[in-house]
Amino acid sequence: MILSDLDKGCDVLKKAGYLCKKSKVLG
């Protein structure tokens, strides 16, 4: 996913128990 707020999205999903990874892509 591309998100409006990547850090907040990652934090929320980690707290919900999901395994998250940030990575570089080209748009």
mmCIF file of all heavy atoms, coordinates in Angstrom:
data_MODEL
# 
_entry.id   MODEL 
# 
loop_
_atom_site.group_PDB 
_atom_site.id 
_atom_site.type_symbol 
_atom_site.label_atom_id 
_atom_site.label_alt_id 
_atom_site.label_comp_id 
_atom_site.label_asym_id 
_atom_site.label_entity_id 
_atom_site.label_seq_id 
_atom_site.pdbx_PDB_ins_code 
_atom_site.Cartn_x 
_atom_site.Cartn_y 
_atom_site.Cartn_z 
_atom_site.occupancy 
_atom_site.B_iso_or_equiv 
_atom_site.pdbx_formal_charge 
_atom_site.auth_seq_id 
_atom_site.auth_comp_id 
_atom_site.auth_asym_id 
_atom_site.auth_atom_id 
_atom_site.pdbx_PDB_model_num 
ATOM 1   N N   . MET A 1 1  ? 0.816  -1.210  0.000   1.00 0.00 ? 1  MET A N   1 
ATOM 2   C CA  . MET A 1 1  ? 0.000  0.000   0.000   1.00 0.00 ? 1  MET A CA  1 
ATOM 3   C C   . MET A 1 1  ? 0.849  1.258   0.000   1.00 0.00 ? 1  MET A C   1 
ATOM 4   O O   . MET A 1 1  ? 1.914  1.294   0.616   1.00 0.00 ? 1  MET A O   1 
ATOM 5   C CB  . MET A 1 1  ? -0.874 0.048   1.260   1.00 0.00 ? 1  MET A CB  1 
ATOM 6   C CG  . MET A 1 1  ? -1.869 -1.058  1.376   1.00 0.00 ? 1  MET A CG  1 
ATOM 7   S SD  . MET A 1 1  ? -2.822 -0.933  2.913   1.00 0.00 ? 1  MET A SD  1 
ATOM 8   C CE  . MET A 1 1  ? -1.630 -1.531  4.095   1.00 0.00 ? 1  MET A CE  1 
ATOM 9   N N   . ILE A 1 2  ? 0.334  2.269   -0.662  1.00 0.00 ? 2  ILE A N   1 
ATOM 10  C CA  . ILE A 1 2  ? 0.829  3.630   -0.535  1.00 0.00 ? 2  ILE A CA  1 
ATOM 11  C C   . ILE A 1 2  ? -0.196 4.337   0.347   1.00 0.00 ? 2  ILE A C   1 
ATOM 12  O O   . ILE A 1 2  ? -1.396 4.266   0.076   1.00 0.00 ? 2  ILE A O   1 
ATOM 13  C CB  . ILE A 1 2  ? 0.939  4.329   -1.908  1.00 0.00 ? 2  ILE A CB  1 
ATOM 14  C CG1 . ILE A 1 2  ? 1.831  3.534   -2.866  1.00 0.00 ? 2  ILE A CG1 1 
ATOM 15  C CG2 . ILE A 1 2  ? 1.429  5.771   -1.738  1.00 0.00 ? 2  ILE A CG2 1 
ATOM 16  C CD1 . ILE A 1 2  ? 3.267  3.367   -2.426  1.00 0.00 ? 2  ILE A CD1 1 
ATOM 17  N N   . LEU A 1 3  ? 0.271  4.976   1.411   1.00 0.00 ? 3  LEU A N   1 
ATOM 18  C CA  . LEU A 1 3  ? -0.627 5.580   2.394   1.00 0.00 ? 3  LEU A CA  1 
ATOM 19  C C   . LEU A 1 3  ? -0.394 7.077   2.524   1.00 0.00 ? 3  LEU A C   1 
ATOM 20  O O   . LEU A 1 3  ? 0.722  7.559   2.299   1.00 0.00 ? 3  LEU A O   1 
ATOM 21  C CB  . LEU A 1 3  ? -0.417 4.924   3.765   1.00 0.00 ? 3  LEU A CB  1 
ATOM 22  C CG  . LEU A 1 3  ? -0.632 3.413   3.839   1.00 0.00 ? 3  LEU A CG  1 
ATOM 23  C CD1 . LEU A 1 3  ? -0.263 2.900   5.220   1.00 0.00 ? 3  LEU A CD1 1 
ATOM 24  C CD2 . LEU A 1 3  ? -2.056 3.048   3.474   1.00 0.00 ? 3  LEU A CD2 1 
ATOM 25  N N   . SER A 1 4  ? -1.424 7.775   2.955   1.00 0.00 ? 4  SER A N   1 
ATOM 26  C CA  . SER A 1 4  ? -1.301 9.217   3.187   1.00 0.00 ? 4  SER A CA  1 
ATOM 27  C C   . SER A 1 4  ? -0.343 9.519   4.333   1.00 0.00 ? 4  SER A C   1 
ATOM 28  O O   . SER A 1 4  ? 0.288  10.569  4.350   1.00 0.00 ? 4  SER A O   1 
ATOM 29  C CB  . SER A 1 4  ? -2.676 9.829   3.464   1.00 0.00 ? 4  SER A CB  1 
ATOM 30  O OG  . SER A 1 4  ? -3.252 9.256   4.623   1.00 0.00 ? 4  SER A OG  1 
ATOM 31  N N   . ASP A 1 5  ? -0.227 8.613   5.297   1.00 0.00 ? 5  ASP A N   1 
ATOM 32  C CA  . ASP A 1 5  ? 0.706  8.760   6.414   1.00 0.00 ? 5  ASP A CA  1 
ATOM 33  C C   . ASP A 1 5  ? 1.273  7.380   6.718   1.00 0.00 ? 5  ASP A C   1 
ATOM 34  O O   . ASP A 1 5  ? 0.699  6.612   7.489   1.00 0.00 ? 5  ASP A O   1 
ATOM 35  C CB  . ASP A 1 5  ? -0.016 9.345   7.635   1.00 0.00 ? 5  ASP A CB  1 
ATOM 36  C CG  . ASP A 1 5  ? 0.920  9.684   8.774   1.00 0.00 ? 5  ASP A CG  1 
ATOM 37  O OD1 . ASP A 1 5  ? 2.001  9.050   8.887   1.00 0.00 ? 5  ASP A OD1 1 
ATOM 38  O OD2 . ASP A 1 5  ? 0.570  10.568  9.571   1.00 0.00 ? 5  ASP A OD2 1 
ATOM 39  N N   . LEU A 1 6  ? 2.400  7.076   6.084   1.00 0.00 ? 6  LEU A N   1 
ATOM 40  C CA  . LEU A 1 6  ? 2.991  5.742   6.166   1.00 0.00 ? 6  LEU A CA  1 
ATOM 41  C C   . LEU A 1 6  ? 3.363  5.367   7.594   1.00 0.00 ? 6  LEU A C   1 
ATOM 42  O O   . LEU A 1 6  ? 3.075  4.263   8.049   1.00 0.00 ? 6  LEU A O   1 
ATOM 43  C CB  . LEU A 1 6  ? 4.215  5.658   5.262   1.00 0.00 ? 6  LEU A CB  1 
ATOM 44  C CG  . LEU A 1 6  ? 4.765  4.250   5.090   1.00 0.00 ? 6  LEU A CG  1 
ATOM 45  C CD1 . LEU A 1 6  ? 3.973  3.518   4.036   1.00 0.00 ? 6  LEU A CD1 1 
ATOM 46  C CD2 . LEU A 1 6  ? 6.229  4.300   4.715   1.00 0.00 ? 6  LEU A CD2 1 
ATOM 47  N N   . ASP A 1 7  ? 4.009  6.270   8.329   1.00 0.00 ? 7  ASP A N   1 
ATOM 48  C CA  . ASP A 1 7  ? 4.439  5.951   9.691   1.00 0.00 ? 7  ASP A CA  1 
ATOM 49  C C   . ASP A 1 7  ? 3.255  5.680   10.609  1.00 0.00 ? 7  ASP A C   1 
ATOM 50  O O   . ASP A 1 7  ? 3.263  4.707   11.372  1.00 0.00 ? 7  ASP A O   1 
ATOM 51  C CB  . ASP A 1 7  ? 5.301  7.078   10.254  1.00 0.00 ? 7  ASP A CB  1 
ATOM 52  C CG  . ASP A 1 7  ? 6.640  7.194   9.547   1.00 0.00 ? 7  ASP A CG  1 
ATOM 53  O OD1 . ASP A 1 7  ? 7.155  6.157   9.079   1.00 0.00 ? 7  ASP A OD1 1 
ATOM 54  O OD2 . ASP A 1 7  ? 7.163  8.310   9.451   1.00 0.00 ? 7  ASP A OD2 1 
ATOM 55  N N   . LYS A 1 8  ? 2.238  6.510   10.529  1.00 0.00 ? 8  LYS A N   1 
ATOM 56  C CA  . LYS A 1 8  ? 1.045  6.311   11.360  1.00 0.00 ? 8  LYS A CA  1 
ATOM 57  C C   . LYS A 1 8  ? 0.364  4.993   10.988  1.00 0.00 ? 8  LYS A C   1 
ATOM 58  O O   . LYS A 1 8  ? -0.036 4.223   11.862  1.00 0.00 ? 8  LYS A O   1 
ATOM 59  C CB  . LYS A 1 8  ? 0.088  7.482   11.186  1.00 0.00 ? 8  LYS A CB  1 
ATOM 60  C CG  . LYS A 1 8  ? -1.141 7.410   12.067  1.00 0.00 ? 8  LYS A CG  1 
ATOM 61  C CD  . LYS A 1 8  ? -2.005 8.650   11.875  1.00 0.00 ? 8  LYS A CD  1 
ATOM 62  C CE  . LYS A 1 8  ? -3.235 8.629   12.752  1.00 0.00 ? 8  LYS A CE  1 
ATOM 63  N NZ  . LYS A 1 8  ? -4.074 9.831   12.511  1.00 0.00 ? 8  LYS A NZ  1 
ATOM 64  N N   . GLY A 1 9  ? 0.240  4.724   9.688   1.00 0.00 ? 9  GLY A N   1 
ATOM 65  C CA  . GLY A 1 9  ? -0.371 3.477   9.242   1.00 0.00 ? 9  GLY A CA  1 
ATOM 66  C C   . GLY A 1 9  ? 0.383  2.266   9.739   1.00 0.00 ? 9  GLY A C   1 
ATOM 67  O O   . GLY A 1 9  ? -0.213 1.290   10.205  1.00 0.00 ? 9  GLY A O   1 
ATOM 68  N N   . CYS A 1 10 ? 1.685  2.318   9.669   1.00 0.00 ? 10 CYS A N   1 
ATOM 69  C CA  . CYS A 1 10 ? 2.513  1.209   10.143  1.00 0.00 ? 10 CYS A CA  1 
ATOM 70  C C   . CYS A 1 10 ? 2.339  1.013   11.648  1.00 0.00 ? 10 CYS A C   1 
ATOM 71  O O   . CYS A 1 10 ? 2.162  -0.118  12.118  1.00 0.00 ? 10 CYS A O   1 
ATOM 72  C CB  . CYS A 1 10 ? 3.974  1.459   9.792   1.00 0.00 ? 10 CYS A CB  1 
ATOM 73  S SG  . CYS A 1 10 ? 5.065  0.073   10.167  1.00 0.00 ? 10 CYS A SG  1 
ATOM 74  N N   . ASP A 1 11 ? 2.363  2.087   12.399  1.00 0.00 ? 11 ASP A N   1 
ATOM 75  C CA  . ASP A 1 11 ? 2.189  1.992   13.857  1.00 0.00 ? 11 ASP A CA  1 
ATOM 76  C C   . ASP A 1 11 ? 0.844  1.380   14.218  1.00 0.00 ? 11 ASP A C   1 
ATOM 77  O O   . ASP A 1 11 ? 0.763  0.484   15.061  1.00 0.00 ? 11 ASP A O   1 
ATOM 78  C CB  . ASP A 1 11 ? 2.310  3.372   14.508  1.00 0.00 ? 11 ASP A CB  1 
ATOM 79  C CG  . ASP A 1 11 ? 3.729  3.919   14.479  1.00 0.00 ? 11 ASP A CG  1 
ATOM 80  O OD1 . ASP A 1 11 ? 4.669  3.134   14.237  1.00 0.00 ? 11 ASP A OD1 1 
ATOM 81  O OD2 . ASP A 1 11 ? 3.886  5.139   14.684  1.00 0.00 ? 11 ASP A OD2 1 
ATOM 82  N N   . VAL A 1 12 ? -0.208 1.851   13.565  1.00 0.00 ? 12 VAL A N   1 
ATOM 83  C CA  . VAL A 1 12 ? -1.556 1.348   13.838  1.00 0.00 ? 12 VAL A CA  1 
ATOM 84  C C   . VAL A 1 12 ? -1.656 -0.143  13.528  1.00 0.00 ? 12 VAL A C   1 
ATOM 85  O O   . VAL A 1 12 ? -2.211 -0.925  14.306  1.00 0.00 ? 12 VAL A O   1 
ATOM 86  C CB  . VAL A 1 12 ? -2.599 2.152   13.012  1.00 0.00 ? 12 VAL A CB  1 
ATOM 87  C CG1 . VAL A 1 12 ? -3.940 1.452   12.950  1.00 0.00 ? 12 VAL A CG1 1 
ATOM 88  C CG2 . VAL A 1 12 ? -2.753 3.548   13.578  1.00 0.00 ? 12 VAL A CG2 1 
ATOM 89  N N   . LEU A 1 13 ? -1.116 -0.543  12.392  1.00 0.00 ? 13 LEU A N   1 
ATOM 90  C CA  . LEU A 1 13 ? -1.219 -1.942  11.993  1.00 0.00 ? 13 LEU A CA  1 
ATOM 91  C C   . LEU A 1 13 ? -0.338 -2.853  12.844  1.00 0.00 ? 13 LEU A C   1 
ATOM 92  O O   . LEU A 1 13 ? -0.731 -3.980  13.161  1.00 0.00 ? 13 LEU A O   1 
ATOM 93  C CB  . LEU A 1 13 ? -0.906 -2.085  10.504  1.00 0.00 ? 13 LEU A CB  1 
ATOM 94  C CG  . LEU A 1 13 ? -1.954 -1.437  9.595   1.00 0.00 ? 13 LEU A CG  1 
ATOM 95  C CD1 . LEU A 1 13 ? -1.474 -1.398  8.152   1.00 0.00 ? 13 LEU A CD1 1 
ATOM 96  C CD2 . LEU A 1 13 ? -3.295 -2.150  9.710   1.00 0.00 ? 13 LEU A CD2 1 
ATOM 97  N N   . LYS A 1 14 ? 0.825  -2.374  13.258  1.00 0.00 ? 14 LYS A N   1 
ATOM 98  C CA  . LYS A 1 14 ? 1.657  -3.167  14.172  1.00 0.00 ? 14 LYS A CA  1 
ATOM 99  C C   . LYS A 1 14 ? 0.944  -3.383  15.503  1.00 0.00 ? 14 LYS A C   1 
ATOM 100 O O   . LYS A 1 14 ? 0.959  -4.484  16.054  1.00 0.00 ? 14 LYS A O   1 
ATOM 101 C CB  . LYS A 1 14 ? 3.007  -2.492  14.401  1.00 0.00 ? 14 LYS A CB  1 
ATOM 102 C CG  . LYS A 1 14 ? 3.988  -2.696  13.279  1.00 0.00 ? 14 LYS A CG  1 
ATOM 103 C CD  . LYS A 1 14 ? 5.330  -2.052  13.590  1.00 0.00 ? 14 LYS A CD  1 
ATOM 104 C CE  . LYS A 1 14 ? 6.310  -2.309  12.469  1.00 0.00 ? 14 LYS A CE  1 
ATOM 105 N NZ  . LYS A 1 14 ? 7.617  -1.672  12.715  1.00 0.00 ? 14 LYS A NZ  1 
ATOM 106 N N   . LYS A 1 15 ? 0.306  -2.334  16.018  1.00 0.00 ? 15 LYS A N   1 
ATOM 107 C CA  . LYS A 1 15 ? -0.448 -2.456  17.280  1.00 0.00 ? 15 LYS A CA  1 
ATOM 108 C C   . LYS A 1 15 ? -1.607 -3.436  17.143  1.00 0.00 ? 15 LYS A C   1 
ATOM 109 O O   . LYS A 1 15 ? -2.010 -4.060  18.114  1.00 0.00 ? 15 LYS A O   1 
ATOM 110 C CB  . LYS A 1 15 ? -0.950 -1.094  17.732  1.00 0.00 ? 15 LYS A CB  1 
ATOM 111 C CG  . LYS A 1 15 ? 0.148  -0.211  18.278  1.00 0.00 ? 15 LYS A CG  1 
ATOM 112 C CD  . LYS A 1 15 ? -0.360 1.167   18.661  1.00 0.00 ? 15 LYS A CD  1 
ATOM 113 C CE  . LYS A 1 15 ? 0.813  2.035   19.094  1.00 0.00 ? 15 LYS A CE  1 
ATOM 114 N NZ  . LYS A 1 15 ? 0.433  3.439   19.267  1.00 0.00 ? 15 LYS A NZ  1 
ATOM 115 N N   . ALA A 1 16 ? -2.130 -3.565  15.918  1.00 0.00 ? 16 ALA A N   1 
ATOM 116 C CA  . ALA A 1 16 ? -3.220 -4.511  15.663  1.00 0.00 ? 16 ALA A CA  1 
ATOM 117 C C   . ALA A 1 16 ? -2.698 -5.931  15.404  1.00 0.00 ? 16 ALA A C   1 
ATOM 118 O O   . ALA A 1 16 ? -3.484 -6.847  15.159  1.00 0.00 ? 16 ALA A O   1 
ATOM 119 C CB  . ALA A 1 16 ? -4.057 -4.039  14.478  1.00 0.00 ? 16 ALA A CB  1 
ATOM 120 N N   . GLY A 1 17 ? -1.373 -6.105  15.463  1.00 0.00 ? 17 GLY A N   1 
ATOM 121 C CA  . GLY A 1 17 ? -0.796 -7.441  15.347  1.00 0.00 ? 17 GLY A CA  1 
ATOM 122 C C   . GLY A 1 17 ? -0.296 -7.831  13.968  1.00 0.00 ? 17 GLY A C   1 
ATOM 123 O O   . GLY A 1 17 ? 0.059  -8.988  13.748  1.00 0.00 ? 17 GLY A O   1 
ATOM 124 N N   . TYR A 1 18 ? -0.225 -6.893  13.046  1.00 0.00 ? 18 TYR A N   1 
ATOM 125 C CA  . TYR A 1 18 ? 0.238  -7.215  11.694  1.00 0.00 ? 18 TYR A CA  1 
ATOM 126 C C   . TYR A 1 18 ? 1.746  -7.015  11.572  1.00 0.00 ? 18 TYR A C   1 
ATOM 127 O O   . TYR A 1 18 ? 2.320  -6.132  12.203  1.00 0.00 ? 18 TYR A O   1 
ATOM 128 C CB  . TYR A 1 18 ? -0.465 -6.328  10.663  1.00 0.00 ? 18 TYR A CB  1 
ATOM 129 C CG  . TYR A 1 18 ? -1.939 -6.602  10.569  1.00 0.00 ? 18 TYR A CG  1 
ATOM 130 C CD1 . TYR A 1 18 ? -2.861 -5.782  11.207  1.00 0.00 ? 18 TYR A CD1 1 
ATOM 131 C CD2 . TYR A 1 18 ? -2.423 -7.691  9.848   1.00 0.00 ? 18 TYR A CD2 1 
ATOM 132 C CE1 . TYR A 1 18 ? -4.219 -6.027  11.131  1.00 0.00 ? 18 TYR A CE1 1 
ATOM 133 C CE2 . TYR A 1 18 ? -3.781 -7.950  9.768   1.00 0.00 ? 18 TYR A CE2 1 
ATOM 134 C CZ  . TYR A 1 18 ? -4.674 -7.115  10.417  1.00 0.00 ? 18 TYR A CZ  1 
ATOM 135 O OH  . TYR A 1 18 ? -6.019 -7.368  10.341  1.00 0.00 ? 18 TYR A OH  1 
ATOM 136 N N   . LEU A 1 19 ? 2.360  -7.830  10.750  1.00 0.00 ? 19 LEU A N   1 
ATOM 137 C CA  . LEU A 1 19 ? 3.780  -7.704  10.436  1.00 0.00 ? 19 LEU A CA  1 
ATOM 138 C C   . LEU A 1 19 ? 3.911  -6.728  9.275   1.00 0.00 ? 19 LEU A C   1 
ATOM 139 O O   . LEU A 1 19 ? 3.383  -6.978  8.184   1.00 0.00 ? 19 LEU A O   1 
ATOM 140 C CB  . LEU A 1 19 ? 4.362  -9.068  10.053  1.00 0.00 ? 19 LEU A CB  1 
ATOM 141 C CG  . LEU A 1 19 ? 5.810  -9.105  9.595   1.00 0.00 ? 19 LEU A CG  1 
ATOM 142 C CD1 . LEU A 1 19 ? 6.738  -8.606  10.703  1.00 0.00 ? 19 LEU A CD1 1 
ATOM 143 C CD2 . LEU A 1 19 ? 6.191  -10.509 9.176   1.00 0.00 ? 19 LEU A CD2 1 
ATOM 144 N N   . CYS A 1 20 ? 4.577  -5.598  9.512   1.00 0.00 ? 20 CYS A N   1 
ATOM 145 C CA  . CYS A 1 20 ? 4.684  -4.516  8.515   1.00 0.00 ? 20 CYS A CA  1 
ATOM 146 C C   . CYS A 1 20 ? 6.142  -4.300  8.124   1.00 0.00 ? 20 CYS A C   1 
ATOM 147 O O   . CYS A 1 20 ? 7.038  -4.448  8.948   1.00 0.00 ? 20 CYS A O   1 
ATOM 148 C CB  . CYS A 1 20 ? 4.174  -3.196  9.092   1.00 0.00 ? 20 CYS A CB  1 
ATOM 149 S SG  . CYS A 1 20 ? 2.503  -3.249  9.703   1.00 0.00 ? 20 CYS A SG  1 
ATOM 150 N N   . LYS A 1 21 ? 6.315  -3.903  6.893   1.00 0.00 ? 21 LYS A N   1 
ATOM 151 C CA  . LYS A 1 21 ? 7.654  -3.555  6.412   1.00 0.00 ? 21 LYS A CA  1 
ATOM 152 C C   . LYS A 1 21 ? 7.536  -2.346  5.489   1.00 0.00 ? 21 LYS A C   1 
ATOM 153 O O   . LYS A 1 21 ? 6.706  -2.326  4.580   1.00 0.00 ? 21 LYS A O   1 
ATOM 154 C CB  . LYS A 1 21 ? 8.253  -4.736  5.642   1.00 0.00 ? 21 LYS A CB  1 
ATOM 155 C CG  . LYS A 1 21 ? 9.618  -4.445  5.069   1.00 0.00 ? 21 LYS A CG  1 
ATOM 156 C CD  . LYS A 1 21 ? 10.107 -5.605  4.240   1.00 0.00 ? 21 LYS A CD  1 
ATOM 157 C CE  . LYS A 1 21 ? 11.374 -5.224  3.511   1.00 0.00 ? 21 LYS A CE  1 
ATOM 158 N NZ  . LYS A 1 21 ? 11.760 -6.211  2.515   1.00 0.00 ? 21 LYS A NZ  1 
ATOM 159 N N   . LYS A 1 22 ? 8.374  -1.343  5.714   1.00 0.00 ? 22 LYS A N   1 
ATOM 160 C CA  . LYS A 1 22 ? 8.450  -0.183  4.829   1.00 0.00 ? 22 LYS A CA  1 
ATOM 161 C C   . LYS A 1 22 ? 9.526  -0.456  3.793   1.00 0.00 ? 22 LYS A C   1 
ATOM 162 O O   . LYS A 1 22 ? 10.579 -1.006  4.113   1.00 0.00 ? 22 LYS A O   1 
ATOM 163 C CB  . LYS A 1 22 ? 8.826  1.075   5.601   1.00 0.00 ? 22 LYS A CB  1 
ATOM 164 C CG  . LYS A 1 22 ? 7.827  1.474   6.666   1.00 0.00 ? 22 LYS A CG  1 
ATOM 165 C CD  . LYS A 1 22 ? 8.350  2.673   7.441   1.00 0.00 ? 22 LYS A CD  1 
ATOM 166 C CE  . LYS A 1 22 ? 7.539  2.911   8.684   1.00 0.00 ? 22 LYS A CE  1 
ATOM 167 N NZ  . LYS A 1 22 ? 8.094  4.001   9.498   1.00 0.00 ? 22 LYS A NZ  1 
ATOM 168 N N   . SER A 1 23 ? 9.261  -0.049  2.547   1.00 0.00 ? 23 SER A N   1 
ATOM 169 C CA  . SER A 1 23 ? 10.266 -0.227  1.509   1.00 0.00 ? 23 SER A CA  1 
ATOM 170 C C   . SER A 1 23 ? 10.131 0.862   0.452   1.00 0.00 ? 23 SER A C   1 
ATOM 171 O O   . SER A 1 23 ? 9.092  1.499   0.324   1.00 0.00 ? 23 SER A O   1 
ATOM 172 C CB  . SER A 1 23 ? 10.148 -1.612  0.862   1.00 0.00 ? 23 SER A CB  1 
ATOM 173 O OG  . SER A 1 23 ? 8.861  -1.797  0.314   1.00 0.00 ? 23 SER A OG  1 
ATOM 174 N N   . LYS A 1 24 ? 11.204 1.048   -0.289  1.00 0.00 ? 24 LYS A N   1 
ATOM 175 C CA  . LYS A 1 24 ? 11.248 2.053   -1.352  1.00 0.00 ? 24 LYS A CA  1 
ATOM 176 C C   . LYS A 1 24 ? 10.649 1.480   -2.638  1.00 0.00 ? 24 LYS A C   1 
ATOM 177 O O   . LYS A 1 24 ? 10.899 0.325   -2.992  1.00 0.00 ? 24 LYS A O   1 
ATOM 178 C CB  . LYS A 1 24 ? 12.679 2.485   -1.638  1.00 0.00 ? 24 LYS A CB  1 
ATOM 179 C CG  . LYS A 1 24 ? 13.350 3.186   -0.486  1.00 0.00 ? 24 LYS A CG  1 
ATOM 180 C CD  . LYS A 1 24 ? 12.854 4.597   -0.398  1.00 0.00 ? 24 LYS A CD  1 
ATOM 181 C CE  . LYS A 1 24 ? 13.604 5.346   0.693   1.00 0.00 ? 24 LYS A CE  1 
ATOM 182 N NZ  . LYS A 1 24 ? 12.940 6.561   1.072   1.00 0.00 ? 24 LYS A NZ  1 
ATOM 183 N N   . VAL A 1 25 ? 9.874  2.300   -3.303  1.00 0.00 ? 25 VAL A N   1 
ATOM 184 C CA  . VAL A 1 25 ? 9.346  1.997   -4.625  1.00 0.00 ? 25 VAL A CA  1 
ATOM 185 C C   . VAL A 1 25 ? 9.430  3.275   -5.451  1.00 0.00 ? 25 VAL A C   1 
ATOM 186 O O   . VAL A 1 25 ? 9.669  4.351   -4.910  1.00 0.00 ? 25 VAL A O   1 
ATOM 187 C CB  . VAL A 1 25 ? 7.881  1.487   -4.570  1.00 0.00 ? 25 VAL A CB  1 
ATOM 188 C CG1 . VAL A 1 25 ? 7.800  0.109   -3.949  1.00 0.00 ? 25 VAL A CG1 1 
ATOM 189 C CG2 . VAL A 1 25 ? 6.974  2.460   -3.843  1.00 0.00 ? 25 VAL A CG2 1 
ATOM 190 N N   . LEU A 1 26 ? 9.227  3.148   -6.729  1.00 0.00 ? 26 LEU A N   1 
ATOM 191 C CA  . LEU A 1 26 ? 9.128  4.322   -7.595  1.00 0.00 ? 26 LEU A CA  1 
ATOM 192 C C   . LEU A 1 26 ? 7.666  4.544   -7.948  1.00 0.00 ? 26 LEU A C   1 
ATOM 193 O O   . LEU A 1 26 ? 6.962  3.602   -8.296  1.00 0.00 ? 26 LEU A O   1 
ATOM 194 C CB  . LEU A 1 26 ? 9.912  4.124   -8.889  1.00 0.00 ? 26 LEU A CB  1 
ATOM 195 C CG  . LEU A 1 26 ? 11.427 4.080   -8.790  1.00 0.00 ? 26 LEU A CG  1 
ATOM 196 C CD1 . LEU A 1 26 ? 12.030 3.845   -10.173 1.00 0.00 ? 26 LEU A CD1 1 
ATOM 197 C CD2 . LEU A 1 26 ? 11.970 5.358   -8.193  1.00 0.00 ? 26 LEU A CD2 1 
ATOM 198 N N   . GLY A 1 27 ? 7.244  5.769   -7.858  1.00 0.00 ? 27 GLY A N   1 
ATOM 199 C CA  . GLY A 1 27 ? 5.934  6.154   -8.361  1.00 0.00 ? 27 GLY A CA  1 
ATOM 200 C C   . GLY A 1 27 ? 6.161  6.948   -9.635  1.00 0.00 ? 27 GLY A C   1 
ATOM 201 O O   . GLY A 1 27 ? 6.904  7.932   -9.635  1.00 0.00 ? 27 GLY A O   1 
# 
